[in-house]
């Protein structure tokens, strides 16, 4: 009985550690996504303020997306 209790305690500790690591990874991914979305929003606002043509706006968005994907890889 004592051995089963020890196994359950060790299992609970192990699961808590795994869930903690998983939660930290999710928080970090969410933070990075929010930063990227802020960059896109800032770029869209700046481009709207200076009245860029739609083709140039699309080129700028594509450039930001490509550099972001390259940086994350």
N, C-alpha and C. Protein backbone atom coordinates (compact mmCIF):
# COMPACT_ATOMS: atom_id res chain seq x y z
N UNK A 1 0.83 -1.20 0.00
CA UNK A 1 0.00 0.00 0.00
C UNK A 1 0.88 1.27 0.00
N UNK A 2 1.93 1.23 0.81
CA UNK A 2 2.84 2.37 0.89
C UNK A 2 3.50 2.64 -0.46
N UNK A 3 3.86 1.58 -1.18
CA UNK A 3 4.51 1.74 -2.48
C UNK A 3 3.54 2.37 -3.47
N UNK A 4 2.28 1.97 -3.46
CA UNK A 4 1.29 2.57 -4.36
C UNK A 4 1.10 4.05 -4.06
N UNK A 5 1.06 4.40 -2.79
CA UNK A 5 0.91 5.82 -2.41
C UNK A 5 2.10 6.62 -2.91
N UNK A 6 3.30 6.08 -2.76
CA UNK A 6 4.50 6.79 -3.24
C UNK A 6 4.47 6.93 -4.76
N UNK A 7 4.03 5.90 -5.46
CA UNK A 7 3.95 5.97 -6.92
C UNK A 7 2.94 7.05 -7.34
N UNK A 8 1.79 7.11 -6.66
CA UNK A 8 0.79 8.14 -6.98
C UNK A 8 1.31 9.54 -6.70
N UNK A 9 2.05 9.71 -5.63
CA UNK A 9 2.62 11.03 -5.30
C UNK A 9 3.64 11.43 -6.35
N UNK A 10 4.51 10.51 -6.71
CA UNK A 10 5.53 10.81 -7.74
C UNK A 10 4.85 11.10 -9.07
N UNK A 11 3.83 10.36 -9.40
CA UNK A 11 3.09 10.58 -10.64
C UNK A 11 2.42 11.96 -10.64
N UNK A 12 1.84 12.34 -9.51
CA UNK A 12 1.21 13.66 -9.41
C UNK A 12 2.24 14.78 -9.58
N UNK A 13 3.39 14.63 -8.98
CA UNK A 13 4.45 15.64 -9.12
C UNK A 13 4.91 15.71 -10.57
N UNK A 14 5.12 14.57 -11.18
CA UNK A 14 5.56 14.53 -12.57
C UNK A 14 4.54 15.20 -13.49
N UNK A 15 3.25 14.90 -13.29
CA UNK A 15 2.20 15.52 -14.10
C UNK A 15 2.15 17.03 -13.88
N UNK A 16 2.33 17.47 -12.65
CA UNK A 16 2.32 18.91 -12.38
C UNK A 16 3.47 19.60 -13.10
N UNK A 17 4.63 18.98 -13.12
CA UNK A 17 5.79 19.56 -13.82
C UNK A 17 5.50 19.64 -15.33
N UNK A 18 4.96 18.56 -15.89
CA UNK A 18 4.65 18.56 -17.33
C UNK A 18 3.61 19.62 -17.69
N UNK A 19 2.55 19.73 -16.88
CA UNK A 19 1.54 20.74 -17.16
C UNK A 19 2.10 22.15 -17.01
N UNK A 20 3.01 22.35 -16.08
CA UNK A 20 3.66 23.65 -15.91
C UNK A 20 4.48 24.03 -17.13
N UNK A 21 5.24 23.08 -17.64
CA UNK A 21 6.06 23.33 -18.83
C UNK A 21 5.15 23.62 -20.03
N UNK A 22 4.10 22.83 -20.18
CA UNK A 22 3.16 23.02 -21.28
C UNK A 22 2.51 24.40 -21.20
N UNK A 23 2.10 24.80 -20.01
CA UNK A 23 1.47 26.11 -19.83
C UNK A 23 2.45 27.23 -20.16
N UNK A 24 3.71 27.11 -19.74
CA UNK A 24 4.72 28.12 -20.07
C UNK A 24 4.91 28.25 -21.57
N UNK A 25 4.92 27.11 -22.27
CA UNK A 25 5.08 27.16 -23.73
C UNK A 25 3.89 27.85 -24.39
N UNK A 26 2.69 27.57 -23.90
CA UNK A 26 1.50 28.22 -24.46
C UNK A 26 1.52 29.73 -24.20
N UNK A 27 1.93 30.15 -23.02
CA UNK A 27 2.01 31.57 -22.70
C UNK A 27 3.02 32.26 -23.61
N UNK A 28 4.17 31.63 -23.82
CA UNK A 28 5.20 32.21 -24.68
C UNK A 28 4.72 32.31 -26.13
N UNK A 29 4.06 31.29 -26.63
CA UNK A 29 3.54 31.32 -27.99
C UNK A 29 2.49 32.41 -28.14
N UNK A 30 1.64 32.57 -27.15
CA UNK A 30 0.61 33.60 -27.18
C UNK A 30 1.23 34.99 -27.15
N UNK A 31 2.28 35.15 -26.36
CA UNK A 31 2.96 36.45 -26.27
C UNK A 31 3.58 36.82 -27.62
N UNK A 32 4.23 35.85 -28.25
CA UNK A 32 4.84 36.11 -29.55
C UNK A 32 3.79 36.44 -30.61
N UNK A 33 2.67 35.73 -30.58
CA UNK A 33 1.60 36.01 -31.54
C UNK A 33 1.04 37.40 -31.33
N UNK A 34 0.88 37.80 -30.08
CA UNK A 34 0.38 39.15 -29.79
C UNK A 34 1.35 40.22 -30.26
N UNK A 35 2.65 39.99 -30.08
CA UNK A 35 3.65 40.95 -30.56
C UNK A 35 3.59 41.09 -32.07
N UNK A 36 3.46 39.97 -32.76
CA UNK A 36 3.39 40.00 -34.22
C UNK A 36 2.13 40.71 -34.68
N UNK A 37 1.01 40.43 -34.03
CA UNK A 37 -0.24 41.10 -34.40
C UNK A 37 -0.14 42.60 -34.16
N UNK A 38 0.56 43.01 -33.12
CA UNK A 38 0.77 44.44 -32.85
C UNK A 38 1.59 45.06 -33.97
N UNK A 39 2.61 44.34 -34.45
CA UNK A 39 3.41 44.85 -35.57
C UNK A 39 2.55 45.05 -36.80
N UNK A 40 1.72 44.07 -37.11
CA UNK A 40 0.84 44.17 -38.28
C UNK A 40 -0.13 45.34 -38.12
N UNK A 41 -0.71 45.48 -36.94
CA UNK A 41 -1.66 46.58 -36.69
C UNK A 41 -0.98 47.93 -36.83
N UNK A 42 0.23 48.06 -36.30
CA UNK A 42 0.97 49.32 -36.41
C UNK A 42 1.29 49.64 -37.87
N UNK A 43 1.70 48.62 -38.61
CA UNK A 43 2.01 48.84 -40.03
C UNK A 43 0.76 49.23 -40.80
N UNK A 44 -0.36 48.56 -40.54
CA UNK A 44 -1.60 48.91 -41.22
C UNK A 44 -2.04 50.34 -40.90
N UNK A 45 -1.91 50.74 -39.65
CA UNK A 45 -2.27 52.10 -39.25
C UNK A 45 -1.38 53.13 -39.94
N UNK A 46 -0.08 52.86 -39.96
CA UNK A 46 0.85 53.80 -40.59
C UNK A 46 0.58 53.90 -42.09
N UNK A 47 0.32 52.77 -42.72
CA UNK A 47 0.06 52.80 -44.16
C UNK A 47 -1.25 53.51 -44.47
N UNK A 48 -2.24 53.36 -43.62
CA UNK A 48 -3.51 54.06 -43.83
C UNK A 48 -3.34 55.56 -43.62
N UNK A 49 -2.52 55.93 -42.65
CA UNK A 49 -2.30 57.35 -42.37
C UNK A 49 -1.60 58.07 -43.51
N UNK A 50 -0.72 57.37 -44.22
CA UNK A 50 -0.01 58.04 -45.32
C UNK A 50 -0.65 57.72 -46.67
N UNK A 51 -1.78 57.04 -46.66
CA UNK A 51 -2.58 56.76 -47.86
C UNK A 51 -1.78 56.06 -48.96
N UNK A 52 -1.16 54.94 -48.60
CA UNK A 52 -0.45 54.17 -49.61
C UNK A 52 -1.44 53.44 -50.51
N UNK A 53 -1.03 53.20 -51.76
CA UNK A 53 -1.88 52.40 -52.65
C UNK A 53 -2.00 50.96 -52.13
N UNK A 54 -3.09 50.31 -52.50
CA UNK A 54 -3.36 48.96 -52.01
C UNK A 54 -2.26 47.96 -52.37
N UNK A 55 -1.69 48.08 -53.55
CA UNK A 55 -0.63 47.14 -53.98
C UNK A 55 0.59 47.26 -53.08
N UNK A 56 0.97 48.46 -52.74
CA UNK A 56 2.13 48.66 -51.86
C UNK A 56 1.81 48.16 -50.45
N UNK A 57 0.59 48.39 -50.00
CA UNK A 57 0.20 47.87 -48.68
C UNK A 57 0.33 46.36 -48.63
N UNK A 58 -0.12 45.71 -49.69
CA UNK A 58 -0.04 44.25 -49.74
C UNK A 58 1.41 43.78 -49.78
N UNK A 59 2.27 44.50 -50.51
CA UNK A 59 3.69 44.15 -50.56
C UNK A 59 4.33 44.29 -49.18
N UNK A 60 3.99 45.34 -48.46
CA UNK A 60 4.54 45.55 -47.12
C UNK A 60 4.07 44.44 -46.18
N UNK A 61 2.80 44.08 -46.23
CA UNK A 61 2.28 43.00 -45.38
C UNK A 61 2.98 41.68 -45.69
N UNK A 62 3.17 41.39 -46.97
CA UNK A 62 3.87 40.16 -47.37
C UNK A 62 5.30 40.16 -46.87
N UNK A 63 5.97 41.31 -46.95
CA UNK A 63 7.35 41.41 -46.46
C UNK A 63 7.41 41.16 -44.96
N UNK A 64 6.50 41.76 -44.21
CA UNK A 64 6.48 41.57 -42.76
C UNK A 64 6.22 40.09 -42.43
N UNK A 65 5.29 39.47 -43.13
CA UNK A 65 4.97 38.07 -42.89
C UNK A 65 6.16 37.17 -43.22
N UNK A 66 6.83 37.41 -44.34
CA UNK A 66 7.97 36.59 -44.73
C UNK A 66 9.13 36.74 -43.76
N UNK A 67 9.42 37.97 -43.33
CA UNK A 67 10.53 38.15 -42.39
C UNK A 67 10.19 37.55 -41.04
N UNK A 68 8.93 37.59 -40.64
CA UNK A 68 8.53 36.98 -39.37
C UNK A 68 8.68 35.46 -39.43
N UNK A 69 8.24 34.85 -40.53
CA UNK A 69 8.35 33.40 -40.67
C UNK A 69 9.81 32.97 -40.74
N UNK A 70 10.65 33.74 -41.42
CA UNK A 70 12.08 33.42 -41.51
C UNK A 70 12.72 33.52 -40.13
N UNK A 71 12.35 34.55 -39.38
CA UNK A 71 12.93 34.74 -38.05
C UNK A 71 12.53 33.60 -37.12
N UNK A 72 11.30 33.14 -37.19
CA UNK A 72 10.86 32.07 -36.30
C UNK A 72 11.46 30.73 -36.68
N UNK A 73 11.78 30.54 -37.95
CA UNK A 73 12.41 29.28 -38.36
C UNK A 73 13.83 29.23 -37.89
